[in-house]
Protein backbone atom coordinates (compact mmCIF):
# COMPACT_ATOMS: atom_id res chain seq x y z
CA MET A 1 72.71 127.84 112.14
CA LYS A 2 75.88 129.78 111.31
CA ARG A 3 76.57 130.06 107.57
CA ILE A 4 80.18 130.41 106.41
CA ALA A 5 81.36 131.11 102.87
CA ILE A 6 84.70 129.66 101.77
CA ILE A 7 85.93 131.38 98.62
CA GLY A 8 88.48 129.25 96.78
CA GLY A 9 88.58 125.47 96.56
CA GLY A 10 92.33 124.99 96.60
CA PHE A 11 94.06 122.97 99.29
CA ALA A 12 93.46 125.56 102.03
CA GLY A 13 89.79 126.03 101.14
CA VAL A 14 89.13 122.28 101.04
CA THR A 15 90.86 121.85 104.41
CA ALA A 16 88.71 124.58 105.97
CA ALA A 17 85.54 122.97 104.55
CA TYR A 18 86.67 119.57 105.84
CA GLU A 19 87.20 120.93 109.34
CA LEU A 20 83.84 122.71 109.37
CA ALA A 21 82.10 119.52 108.20
CA LYS A 22 83.83 117.63 111.00
CA LEU A 23 82.70 120.21 113.54
CA ALA A 24 79.14 120.01 112.20
CA ARG A 25 79.12 116.23 112.64
CA GLU A 26 80.29 116.80 116.21
CA GLY A 27 77.30 119.05 116.90
CA ALA A 28 78.37 122.55 115.91
CA GLN A 29 75.49 124.55 114.42
CA VAL A 30 77.32 125.44 111.21
CA GLU A 31 77.04 124.98 107.48
CA ALA A 32 79.38 126.16 104.76
CA VAL A 33 79.41 126.88 101.05
CA LEU A 34 82.67 126.25 99.20
CA PHE A 35 82.89 128.39 96.05
CA GLU A 36 85.37 127.33 93.35
CA ALA A 37 85.61 129.07 90.00
CA SER A 38 87.12 126.08 88.20
CA GLY A 39 85.66 122.62 87.71
CA ARG A 40 87.83 120.83 90.29
CA LEU A 41 88.96 121.11 93.88
CA GLY A 42 92.51 120.88 95.22
CA GLY A 43 94.29 123.76 93.51
CA THR A 44 97.95 123.01 92.87
CA VAL A 45 97.59 119.52 94.38
CA GLN A 46 96.97 117.08 91.56
CA THR A 47 98.08 113.46 91.15
CA THR A 48 98.03 111.49 87.90
CA ARG A 49 97.89 107.70 88.25
CA GLU A 50 98.50 105.84 85.02
CA GLY A 51 100.11 102.48 84.28
CA HIS A 52 101.59 102.15 87.80
CA TYR A 53 103.13 105.62 87.55
CA ILE A 54 102.17 108.11 90.28
CA ILE A 55 102.92 111.60 89.02
CA GLU A 56 102.46 114.75 91.08
CA GLY A 57 101.51 117.87 89.15
CA GLY A 58 102.21 120.10 92.15
CA PRO A 59 103.74 119.41 95.58
CA ASP A 60 104.98 115.83 95.93
CA GLY A 61 104.83 115.79 99.73
CA TRP A 62 105.67 117.88 102.74
CA VAL A 63 108.51 118.60 105.17
CA THR A 64 108.30 115.93 107.86
CA GLU A 65 109.25 118.12 110.81
CA LYS A 66 106.06 120.15 110.37
CA PRO A 67 103.45 117.76 111.83
CA TRP A 68 100.10 119.15 110.68
CA ALA A 69 99.75 117.43 107.29
CA GLN A 70 100.66 114.03 108.71
CA GLU A 71 98.27 114.49 111.62
CA LEU A 72 95.51 115.21 109.11
CA ALA A 73 96.42 112.16 107.03
CA GLU A 74 96.27 109.92 110.09
CA GLU A 75 92.94 111.43 111.14
CA LEU A 76 91.59 110.62 107.67
CA GLY A 77 92.56 106.97 108.06
CA LEU A 78 95.61 107.24 105.82
CA GLY A 79 98.17 106.04 108.34
CA ASP A 80 99.08 103.05 106.17
CA GLU A 81 99.51 105.40 103.20
CA ILE A 82 102.17 107.58 104.82
CA LEU A 83 105.38 107.27 102.83
CA PRO A 84 108.75 108.61 104.05
CA SER A 85 111.27 109.79 101.51
CA SER A 86 114.02 107.28 100.70
CA ASP A 87 116.71 109.10 102.63
CA ALA A 88 119.35 106.47 101.93
CA HIS A 89 119.44 108.18 98.50
CA ARG A 90 119.13 111.70 99.93
CA ARG A 91 121.69 113.54 97.90
CA THR A 92 121.18 116.71 95.90
CA TYR A 93 123.34 117.77 92.97
CA VAL A 94 124.14 121.21 91.60
CA LEU A 95 124.77 121.85 87.91
CA ILE A 96 128.17 123.52 87.72
CA GLY A 97 129.84 125.15 84.73
CA ALA A 98 126.95 124.99 82.26
CA SER A 99 127.41 127.56 79.48
CA PRO A 100 126.63 127.81 75.77
CA ASP A 101 129.99 126.12 75.16
CA SER A 102 129.86 123.56 77.97
CA VAL A 103 127.27 121.03 79.16
CA GLY A 104 128.46 121.39 82.75
CA THR A 105 128.65 118.70 85.42
CA LEU A 106 126.52 117.60 88.34
CA GLN A 107 128.36 118.03 91.62
CA ALA A 108 126.89 116.54 94.81
CA MET A 109 126.25 118.74 97.80
CA PRO A 110 128.25 117.48 100.81
CA ASP A 111 126.59 115.10 103.26
CA GLY A 112 125.21 116.65 106.41
CA MET A 113 124.05 119.92 104.83
CA ARG A 114 121.04 121.73 106.19
CA MET A 115 120.17 124.04 103.31
CA MET A 116 123.50 125.81 102.65
CA VAL A 117 124.90 125.16 106.16
CA PRO A 118 127.26 122.20 106.72
CA GLY A 119 126.87 120.17 109.86
CA ASP A 120 130.02 118.21 109.00
CA LEU A 121 132.99 120.36 108.03
CA ASP A 122 135.08 117.30 107.12
CA ALA A 123 132.47 116.27 104.54
CA MET A 124 132.40 119.84 103.25
CA ASP A 125 136.21 119.89 102.95
CA ALA A 126 136.13 116.65 100.96
CA SER A 127 133.53 118.01 98.53
CA GLU A 128 134.45 119.04 95.00
CA LEU A 129 131.55 121.45 94.86
CA PHE A 130 133.32 124.34 96.56
CA SER A 131 136.57 126.16 95.85
CA ALA A 132 139.29 126.46 98.48
CA GLU A 133 138.16 130.04 99.07
CA ALA A 134 134.57 128.99 99.81
CA LYS A 135 135.80 126.26 102.16
CA ARG A 136 137.86 128.83 104.06
CA ALA A 137 134.75 131.02 104.29
CA TYR A 138 132.88 128.16 105.94
CA HIS A 139 135.63 127.62 108.51
CA ASP A 140 135.91 131.37 109.13
CA GLU A 141 132.16 131.57 109.77
CA LEU A 142 132.53 129.27 112.74
CA ASN A 143 135.35 131.44 114.11
CA ARG A 144 133.32 134.65 113.61
CA ALA A 145 130.44 133.47 115.81
CA GLU A 146 130.53 136.30 118.35
CA GLU A 147 130.98 138.97 115.67
CA LEU A 148 128.03 137.60 113.68
CA ARG A 149 125.82 137.41 116.75
CA THR A 150 126.54 140.90 118.05
CA HIS A 151 126.31 142.56 114.64
CA ALA A 152 123.16 140.78 113.43
CA PRO A 153 120.77 143.33 111.88
CA ALA A 154 117.90 144.49 114.05
CA SER A 155 115.53 144.51 111.06
CA ASP A 156 114.72 142.20 108.18
CA GLU A 157 117.11 141.68 105.28
CA SER A 158 117.24 139.70 102.06
CA VAL A 159 118.21 136.04 101.93
CA ALA A 160 121.11 137.05 99.69
CA ASP A 161 122.51 139.52 102.23
CA PHE A 162 122.10 137.03 105.07
CA VAL A 163 123.91 134.21 103.27
CA ARG A 164 126.65 136.54 102.02
CA ARG A 165 127.36 137.80 105.54
CA HIS A 166 127.94 134.27 106.72
CA PHE A 167 129.51 132.46 103.77
CA GLY A 168 130.18 134.80 100.83
CA ASP A 169 129.11 134.98 97.20
CA GLU A 170 130.14 131.51 96.03
CA VAL A 171 128.00 129.66 98.55
CA LEU A 172 125.08 131.97 97.78
CA GLU A 173 125.35 131.45 94.02
CA LYS A 174 126.06 127.72 94.03
CA ILE A 175 123.56 126.45 96.58
CA GLY A 176 121.86 129.23 98.55
CA ALA A 177 120.03 130.79 95.60
CA PRO A 178 119.23 127.49 93.81
CA LEU A 179 117.80 125.91 96.96
CA LEU A 180 115.48 128.81 97.71
CA SER A 181 114.53 129.22 94.05
CA GLY A 182 113.74 125.49 93.87
CA VAL A 183 111.31 125.83 96.78
CA LEU A 184 109.88 129.31 96.21
CA GLY A 185 110.82 130.15 92.64
CA GLY A 186 111.96 133.53 93.94
CA ASN A 187 114.79 136.01 93.80
CA VAL A 188 117.05 135.76 96.85
CA THR A 189 117.92 139.46 96.59
CA THR A 190 114.34 140.37 97.51
CA LEU A 191 113.13 137.39 99.58
CA SER A 192 112.75 138.07 103.32
CA VAL A 193 115.14 135.99 105.38
CA ARG A 194 112.94 136.29 108.46
CA ALA A 195 109.93 134.93 106.57
CA VAL A 196 111.58 132.10 104.60
CA MET A 197 114.56 131.13 106.80
CA ALA A 198 113.28 131.85 110.30
CA PRO A 199 115.09 128.91 111.98
CA PHE A 200 118.43 130.18 110.67
CA VAL A 201 117.73 133.71 111.89
CA ALA A 202 117.03 132.22 115.34
CA MET A 203 120.32 130.28 115.13
CA GLU A 204 122.20 133.49 114.39
CA GLN A 205 120.60 135.24 117.35
CA GLU A 206 121.57 132.39 119.68
CA HIS A 207 124.88 131.13 118.31
CA GLY A 208 126.11 133.73 115.85
CA SER A 209 127.53 131.02 113.63
CA LEU A 210 124.98 129.04 111.64
CA ILE A 211 127.39 126.10 111.53
CA ALA A 212 127.56 126.15 115.33
CA GLY A 213 123.77 126.28 115.42
CA VAL A 214 123.36 123.27 113.13
CA GLN A 215 126.00 121.32 115.08
CA ALA A 216 124.24 122.11 118.37
CA ARG A 217 120.93 121.00 116.89
CA ASN A 218 122.46 117.76 115.64
CA ALA A 219 123.98 117.11 119.08
CA THR A 220 120.53 117.19 120.69
CA ARG A 221 119.29 114.52 118.29
CA PRO A 222 121.95 111.82 118.34
CA GLY A 223 121.00 108.86 116.19
CA LYS A 224 117.55 110.27 115.44
CA LYS A 225 116.52 109.16 111.97
CA THR A 226 113.60 111.06 110.53
CA SER A 227 112.95 111.29 106.82
CA LEU A 228 113.27 114.78 105.41
CA PHE A 229 110.04 114.55 103.40
CA THR A 230 106.76 112.65 103.68
CA SER A 231 104.15 111.79 101.06
CA LEU A 232 101.31 109.30 100.51
CA ARG A 233 101.74 106.01 98.66
CA SER A 234 98.91 106.75 96.25
CA GLY A 235 99.87 110.41 95.84
CA VAL A 236 99.24 113.68 97.66
CA ALA A 237 95.83 114.13 95.99
CA THR A 238 94.56 111.24 98.12
CA LEU A 239 94.62 113.67 101.03
CA VAL A 240 92.34 116.03 99.11
CA ASP A 241 90.09 113.20 97.92
CA ARG A 242 89.57 111.93 101.47
CA MET A 243 88.69 115.41 102.72
CA ILE A 244 86.26 115.99 99.85
CA ALA A 245 84.51 112.70 100.64
CA THR A 246 83.59 114.05 104.10
CA ILE A 247 82.22 117.40 102.88
CA PRO A 248 78.46 117.47 102.20
CA ILE A 249 77.79 117.61 98.46
CA ALA A 250 75.38 120.50 98.98
CA TRP A 251 78.24 122.58 100.37
CA VAL A 252 80.30 122.51 97.15
CA ARG A 253 79.71 124.83 94.20
CA LEU A 254 82.10 124.27 91.33
CA GLY A 255 82.28 126.57 88.34
CA THR A 256 81.10 129.44 90.49
CA GLU A 257 83.19 132.61 90.59
CA VAL A 258 82.86 135.05 93.48
CA VAL A 259 83.12 138.59 92.13
CA ALA A 260 82.52 140.70 95.25
CA VAL A 261 82.35 140.55 99.03
CA ALA A 262 80.61 143.15 101.20
CA HIS A 263 80.24 143.60 104.96
CA ASP A 264 77.73 145.45 107.13
CA SER A 265 76.20 145.15 110.59
CA SER A 266 74.07 142.18 109.52
CA GLY A 267 77.01 140.11 108.30
CA TRP A 268 78.55 139.33 104.93
CA THR A 269 77.25 139.36 101.38
CA VAL A 270 79.00 137.23 98.79
CA SER A 271 78.14 137.97 95.16
CA ARG A 272 78.74 135.12 92.75
CA SER A 273 78.68 134.91 88.98
CA ALA A 274 77.00 131.96 87.33
CA GLY A 275 75.27 131.68 83.99
CA GLY A 276 75.93 135.33 83.24
CA ARG A 277 74.08 136.53 86.35
CA ILE A 278 75.39 138.13 89.53
CA THR A 279 73.65 136.69 92.57
CA PRO A 280 74.19 137.92 96.17
CA GLU A 281 73.99 135.55 99.14
CA HIS A 282 74.16 136.27 102.87
CA PHE A 283 76.63 134.65 105.29
CA ASP A 284 77.69 135.10 108.91
CA ALA A 285 81.39 134.70 108.12
CA VAL A 286 83.72 134.51 105.15
CA MET A 287 87.01 132.71 104.54
CA ILE A 288 88.88 133.95 101.48
CA ALA A 289 91.22 131.19 100.32
CA THR A 290 92.05 132.46 96.85
CA PRO A 291 95.53 133.34 95.51
CA ALA A 292 96.82 136.61 96.98
CA HIS A 293 96.22 138.66 93.82
CA VAL A 294 92.59 137.50 93.69
CA THR A 295 92.15 138.13 97.40
CA ARG A 296 93.54 141.63 96.91
CA THR A 297 90.80 142.42 94.36
CA LEU A 298 88.08 141.14 96.70
CA MET A 299 89.52 143.05 99.67
CA ALA A 300 89.88 146.42 97.93
CA PRO A 301 86.27 147.60 98.54
CA LEU A 302 86.44 146.36 102.15
CA ASN A 303 89.74 147.85 103.26
CA GLN A 304 92.12 149.70 100.96
CA ARG A 305 95.07 149.30 103.32
CA ALA A 306 94.57 145.53 103.52
CA ALA A 307 94.45 145.38 99.73
CA ALA A 308 97.70 147.34 99.52
CA LEU A 309 99.38 144.92 101.92
CA LEU A 310 98.32 142.06 99.63
CA ASP A 311 100.19 143.57 96.69
CA MET A 312 102.91 140.91 96.39
CA ASP A 313 104.73 139.29 93.51
CA ALA A 314 104.07 135.65 92.68
CA SER A 315 106.18 133.28 90.63
CA SER A 316 104.81 130.84 88.07
CA ALA A 317 106.04 127.31 87.48
CA VAL A 318 105.82 124.73 84.71
CA VAL A 319 106.35 121.06 85.53
CA ALA A 320 107.07 118.35 82.96
CA ALA A 321 107.24 114.72 84.09
CA PHE A 322 108.47 111.73 82.12
CA GLY A 323 108.03 108.05 82.91
CA PHE A 324 110.33 105.41 81.42
CA PRO A 325 109.72 101.64 81.59
CA ASP A 326 113.42 100.66 81.78
CA ALA A 327 115.62 102.49 84.29
CA THR A 328 118.75 100.91 82.86
CA LYS A 329 118.30 103.03 79.73
CA LEU A 330 118.44 106.22 81.82
CA PRO A 331 121.13 105.78 84.48
CA LEU A 332 121.03 108.50 87.13
CA PRO A 333 123.35 109.38 90.00
CA ALA A 334 122.01 108.24 93.37
CA GLY A 335 120.02 111.10 94.84
CA PHE A 336 116.82 113.11 94.89
CA GLY A 337 117.69 115.31 91.91
CA PHE A 338 119.59 118.44 90.97
CA LEU A 339 119.39 122.24 91.12
CA VAL A 340 120.41 124.75 88.46
CA PRO A 341 122.02 128.02 89.63
CA SER A 342 120.88 131.26 88.03
CA GLY A 343 123.17 132.38 85.24
CA SER A 344 123.44 128.85 83.91
CA SER A 345 122.78 128.33 80.22
CA SER A 346 120.09 125.79 81.12
CA ARG A 347 116.52 127.05 81.32
CA LEU A 348 115.69 124.48 84.01
CA LEU A 349 115.21 125.44 87.64
CA ALA A 350 115.50 121.91 89.04
CA CYS A 351 114.83 118.24 88.40
CA THR A 352 113.58 115.53 90.76
CA PHE A 353 114.53 111.85 90.40
CA VAL A 354 111.11 110.79 91.65
CA ASP A 355 111.63 107.02 91.80
CA GLN A 356 114.73 107.57 93.96
CA LYS A 357 113.04 110.09 96.26
CA TYR A 358 109.96 107.97 96.98
CA SER A 359 109.40 104.24 96.57
CA GLY A 360 106.44 102.84 94.67
CA ARG A 361 106.13 105.69 92.19
CA VAL A 362 106.88 103.62 89.06
CA PRO A 363 106.26 100.13 87.67
CA GLU A 364 108.95 97.65 88.63
CA GLY A 365 112.23 98.60 86.96
CA GLY A 366 110.87 101.95 85.80
CA ARG A 367 112.07 105.51 86.08
CA LEU A 368 110.25 108.83 86.70
CA ILE A 369 111.76 112.32 86.56
CA ARG A 370 110.16 115.76 86.94
CA ALA A 371 111.62 118.90 85.35
CA PHE A 372 110.80 122.32 86.79
CA PHE A 373 110.85 125.71 85.09
CA GLY A 374 110.37 128.95 86.98
CA GLY A 375 110.67 132.69 86.60
CA ALA A 376 110.95 134.11 83.08
CA ALA A 377 111.37 130.64 81.55
CA ALA A 378 108.09 129.48 83.06
CA GLU A 379 106.27 132.61 81.88
CA ARG A 380 107.44 131.98 78.30
CA LEU A 381 106.61 128.28 78.40
CA MET A 382 103.16 128.97 79.81
CA ARG A 383 102.14 130.14 76.36
CA CYS A 384 103.38 126.96 74.63
CA THR A 385 101.47 123.77 73.93
CA ASN A 386 102.03 120.70 76.09
CA ASP A 387 104.00 119.04 73.30
CA GLU A 388 106.25 122.09 72.98
CA ILE A 389 106.85 122.22 76.73
CA ALA A 390 107.67 118.51 76.82
CA SER A 391 110.07 118.93 73.92
CA VAL A 392 111.92 121.79 75.60
CA ALA A 393 112.11 119.87 78.88
CA ARG A 394 113.48 116.74 77.22
CA LEU A 395 116.09 118.79 75.37
CA GLU A 396 117.25 120.49 78.56
CA LEU A 397 117.34 117.22 80.50
CA ALA A 398 119.26 115.44 77.71
CA ARG A 399 121.97 118.10 77.76
CA ILE A 400 122.57 117.40 81.45
CA LEU A 401 121.75 113.70 81.89
CA GLY A 402 122.66 112.39 78.45
CA PRO A 403 120.34 110.97 75.77
CA LEU A 404 116.84 110.20 77.01
CA PRO A 405 114.91 107.17 75.77
CA GLU A 406 111.36 107.62 74.53
CA PRO A 407 109.11 108.14 77.57
CA GLU A 408 106.19 105.82 78.18
CA ILE A 409 104.19 108.59 79.80
CA THR A 410 104.45 112.38 79.71
CA SER A 411 102.68 114.87 81.96
CA VAL A 412 102.75 118.67 81.76
CA ARG A 413 101.32 121.06 84.37
CA ARG A 414 101.17 124.84 84.40
CA LEU A 415 101.04 126.59 87.77
CA PRO A 416 100.50 130.31 87.06
CA ARG A 417 101.34 132.70 89.91
CA SER A 418 101.39 129.77 92.31
CA LEU A 419 104.31 130.82 94.54
CA PRO A 420 103.84 134.16 96.35
CA GLN A 421 107.10 135.96 97.07
CA TYR A 422 107.71 136.84 100.72
CA SER A 423 109.75 140.00 100.13
CA ILE A 424 111.74 141.92 102.77
CA GLY A 425 109.43 143.10 105.56
CA HIS A 426 106.84 140.37 104.90
CA LEU A 427 106.27 139.50 108.56
CA GLU A 428 105.65 143.13 109.48
CA ARG A 429 103.20 143.52 106.59
CA MET A 430 101.35 140.37 107.62
CA ALA A 431 101.11 141.62 111.21
CA GLU A 432 99.53 144.83 109.93
CA LEU A 433 97.25 142.83 107.63
CA ASP A 434 96.10 140.78 110.62
CA GLN A 435 95.18 144.02 112.38
CA CYS A 436 93.14 145.15 109.38
CA VAL A 437 91.33 141.81 109.21
CA SER A 438 90.63 141.83 112.95
CA GLN A 439 88.60 145.02 112.44
CA MET A 440 86.17 143.04 110.25
CA PRO A 441 84.64 140.31 112.48
CA GLY A 442 83.93 137.06 110.70
CA LEU A 443 86.71 137.34 108.10
CA TRP A 444 89.68 134.99 107.62
CA LEU A 445 92.34 134.99 104.92
CA LEU A 446 93.81 131.59 104.03
CA GLY A 447 96.39 130.32 101.56
CA ASN A 448 100.10 130.33 100.88
CA GLY A 449 100.52 134.11 100.72
CA TYR A 450 100.68 134.68 104.47
CA ARG A 451 102.36 132.30 106.93
CA GLY A 452 104.02 129.58 104.88
CA VAL A 453 103.82 127.97 101.44
CA GLY A 454 103.94 124.28 102.41
CA LEU A 455 100.97 121.94 102.84
CA PRO A 456 101.45 121.64 106.63
CA ASP A 457 101.27 125.43 107.00
CA LEU A 458 98.02 125.51 105.02
CA VAL A 459 96.53 122.69 107.11
CA ARG A 460 97.45 124.42 110.38
CA ASP A 461 95.95 127.78 109.40
CA ALA A 462 92.80 126.44 107.73
CA ARG A 463 91.85 124.12 110.58
CA GLN A 464 92.46 126.83 113.19
CA ALA A 465 90.35 129.32 111.25
CA ALA A 466 87.51 126.81 111.04
CA ARG A 467 87.62 126.19 114.78
CA ASP A 468 87.74 129.91 115.55
CA SER A 469 84.82 130.60 113.21
CA VAL A 470 82.35 128.50 115.22
CA GLN A 471 83.24 130.05 118.58
């Protein structure tokens, strides 16, 4: 019987345990122990269900074009639960002109945008979001296709430099930076374009112009209607709950912190702390699915170079959600929500109009919005009480959306160091890290610090690691 330790009961760790349990039921001679320092499994994935409100404390779904999360949901018997985003309302706004002396206005991004790249130049020209200069930059980008292709850098660069080369500062500041910050909470001047915008780098290599690349992509999918995002009707945590239900109870150890990992010719020793005692336990393989900074500490005695490669920044987030029983008392523009550019007087990073993004999230006639804080604002708010965070969020939202009625339900979630920052050269560092790990047979590193931050990426990597571990 092969024994495998899984350190960290977040989404990746639970998925690995689920896959190993499935393999065991199919006849594989394997058992696992899932160590989680806290009292719950699922990590950042957490759904609150109260009074017909479905409120996500972390990710509210996944990008549809990455298939692995949906495949898992269907395998778990959740096919009827799969919920596409309401793309008839798929519009995103940008807060423009907010300053200490001005509330600012919400301007819609043009239709047909893929990130900051327009697929429809006529819609872009008709938009009030961009100045005449920025619109000329878009048109010029299409005419500079060959120049952009032949002069593309041979090595990695920042997202900021990449966007500036194609479209200039205004596009970067108005939508490029807010979009990436909304997803990763990061600084576009240090984020690796090859790690976080790989499809656009490939477009540049093939077409030069990103606009030409998006138009070519659209031409190959005429009339294809696929929702941008996918979730589950009862909330993303249902995915975690279904996986947990298949994992043997004896495999799960909550409230158990792993403090050290050692390796020798006989296998792996995992030392855990419980009840004030340090207890070692032997395993044939180990999967470390903790946040990158925790993994770095565990890896340091094993391989100093691997630990150095795990030295990466991570951004925190604070999420405040508010449910209102009467949507007519909080009229919102049709869309999924809005982004706040850096330099704005608002402390918000973004806001999601949840009931317009996904159906069935509120009682009939209700309204649900989620406010996001990141960076320095999130770090400051992390030290506040829930009531203080909710008060700040309501104040910021009221400045932008107008007076808010009294919410029927309020939810606050802190996500410390939850978004690792893929800085310039990330892919090269991860390739070297893979080499270090390959020198220690029976070791896998899982989580959002390596090959993608979304749920589908975590599912793909965790399931593959589980399959490889029983070979």
